[in-house]
Amino acid sequence: MSHHPSHKEQLVSLKRIEGQVRGVIKMIEDGKYCIDILNQIKAVKSALVRVESKVLNKHTESCIKQSFKNKSELNTKIEELIKLVNK
């Protein structure tokens, strides 16, 4: 399968996350309170989990469903998911 789904709609979220990370760096540079920094880090992590979930859902809806047409490709996709989960 040579066609991969587009994840461009995640770019807005990823750019927002990038800004949040820059904000955390600035907070650390400015010596902000630990709990405030940790709250921002948790927000970044949560935002990344949301993006990850959306990419995984699209992978499942597109790549995994498409691989049902070819058993060896399906096995490869299953192995990829198992490796991902075990990371």
Protein backbone atom coordinates (compact mmCIF):
# COMPACT_ATOMS: atom_id res chain seq x y z
CA MET A 1 0.00 0.00 0.00
CA SER A 2 1.65 3.21 -1.11
CA HIS A 3 -1.08 5.67 -0.10
CA HIS A 4 -1.02 7.03 3.43
CA PRO A 5 -3.73 9.20 4.95
CA SER A 6 -3.04 12.87 5.50
CA HIS A 7 -2.67 14.15 9.04
CA LYS A 8 -2.43 17.81 8.06
CA GLU A 9 -5.43 18.68 10.21
CA GLN A 10 -3.23 17.88 13.22
CA LEU A 11 -0.76 20.62 12.30
CA VAL A 12 -2.79 23.32 14.08
CA SER A 13 -2.74 21.30 17.30
CA LEU A 14 0.95 20.46 16.92
CA LYS A 15 1.86 24.10 16.37
CA ARG A 16 -0.14 25.03 19.47
CA ILE A 17 1.75 22.33 21.38
CA GLU A 18 5.02 23.72 20.03
CA GLY A 19 4.04 27.11 21.45
CA GLN A 20 3.16 25.50 24.78
CA VAL A 21 6.60 23.86 24.93
CA ARG A 22 8.25 27.21 24.20
CA GLY A 23 6.13 28.62 27.04
CA VAL A 24 7.39 25.92 29.41
CA ILE A 25 10.98 26.71 28.42
CA LYS A 26 10.35 30.40 29.14
CA MET A 27 8.78 29.56 32.50
CA ILE A 28 11.87 27.57 33.44
CA GLU A 29 14.19 30.32 32.21
CA ASP A 30 12.19 32.86 34.25
CA GLY A 31 12.29 30.68 37.37
CA LYS A 32 8.51 30.22 37.64
CA TYR A 33 6.92 28.16 40.39
CA CYS A 34 7.35 24.37 40.02
CA ILE A 35 3.63 23.57 40.16
CA ASP A 36 2.89 26.12 37.45
CA ILE A 37 5.55 24.54 35.23
CA LEU A 38 4.24 21.05 35.96
CA ASN A 39 0.68 22.11 35.12
CA GLN A 40 1.87 23.37 31.75
CA ILE A 41 3.83 20.16 31.12
CA LYS A 42 0.70 18.11 31.89
CA ALA A 43 -1.26 20.26 29.43
CA VAL A 44 1.36 19.58 26.73
CA LYS A 45 1.27 15.85 27.43
CA SER A 46 -2.54 15.78 27.28
CA ALA A 47 -2.52 17.68 23.99
CA LEU A 48 0.00 15.24 22.51
CA VAL A 49 -2.13 12.29 23.62
CA ARG A 50 -5.13 13.83 21.83
CA VAL A 51 -3.12 14.23 18.61
CA GLU A 52 -1.73 10.71 18.96
CA SER A 53 -5.26 9.35 19.37
CA LYS A 54 -6.48 11.14 16.25
CA VAL A 55 -3.56 9.83 14.18
CA LEU A 56 -4.08 6.30 15.50
CA ASN A 57 -7.81 6.48 14.74
CA LYS A 58 -7.11 7.56 11.19
CA HIS A 59 -4.51 4.80 10.84
CA THR A 60 -7.07 2.26 12.01
CA GLU A 61 -9.82 3.61 9.77
CA SER A 62 -7.59 3.83 6.70
CA CYS A 63 -4.47 1.69 6.81
CA ILE A 64 -5.74 -1.19 8.92
CA LYS A 65 -9.07 -1.50 7.11
CA GLN A 66 -7.29 -1.39 3.75
CA SER A 67 -4.93 -4.19 4.84
CA PHE A 68 -7.83 -6.64 5.30
CA LYS A 69 -7.60 -7.17 1.54
CA ASN A 70 -4.15 -8.74 1.90
CA LYS A 71 -3.41 -11.19 4.75
CA SER A 72 0.36 -10.62 4.83
CA GLU A 73 -0.17 -6.86 4.87
CA LEU A 74 -2.71 -7.27 7.69
CA ASN A 75 -0.18 -9.31 9.68
CA THR A 76 2.40 -6.56 9.14
CA LYS A 77 -0.03 -3.89 10.34
CA ILE A 78 -0.87 -5.94 13.43
CA GLU A 79 2.84 -6.40 14.22
CA GLU A 80 3.37 -2.64 13.82
CA LEU A 81 0.57 -1.91 16.29
CA ILE A 82 1.90 -4.43 18.80
CA LYS A 83 5.38 -2.86 18.60
CA LEU A 84 3.84 0.59 19.04
CA VAL A 85 1.84 -0.43 22.10
CA ASN A 86 4.89 -2.10 23.66
CA LYS A 87 7.06 1.03 23.35
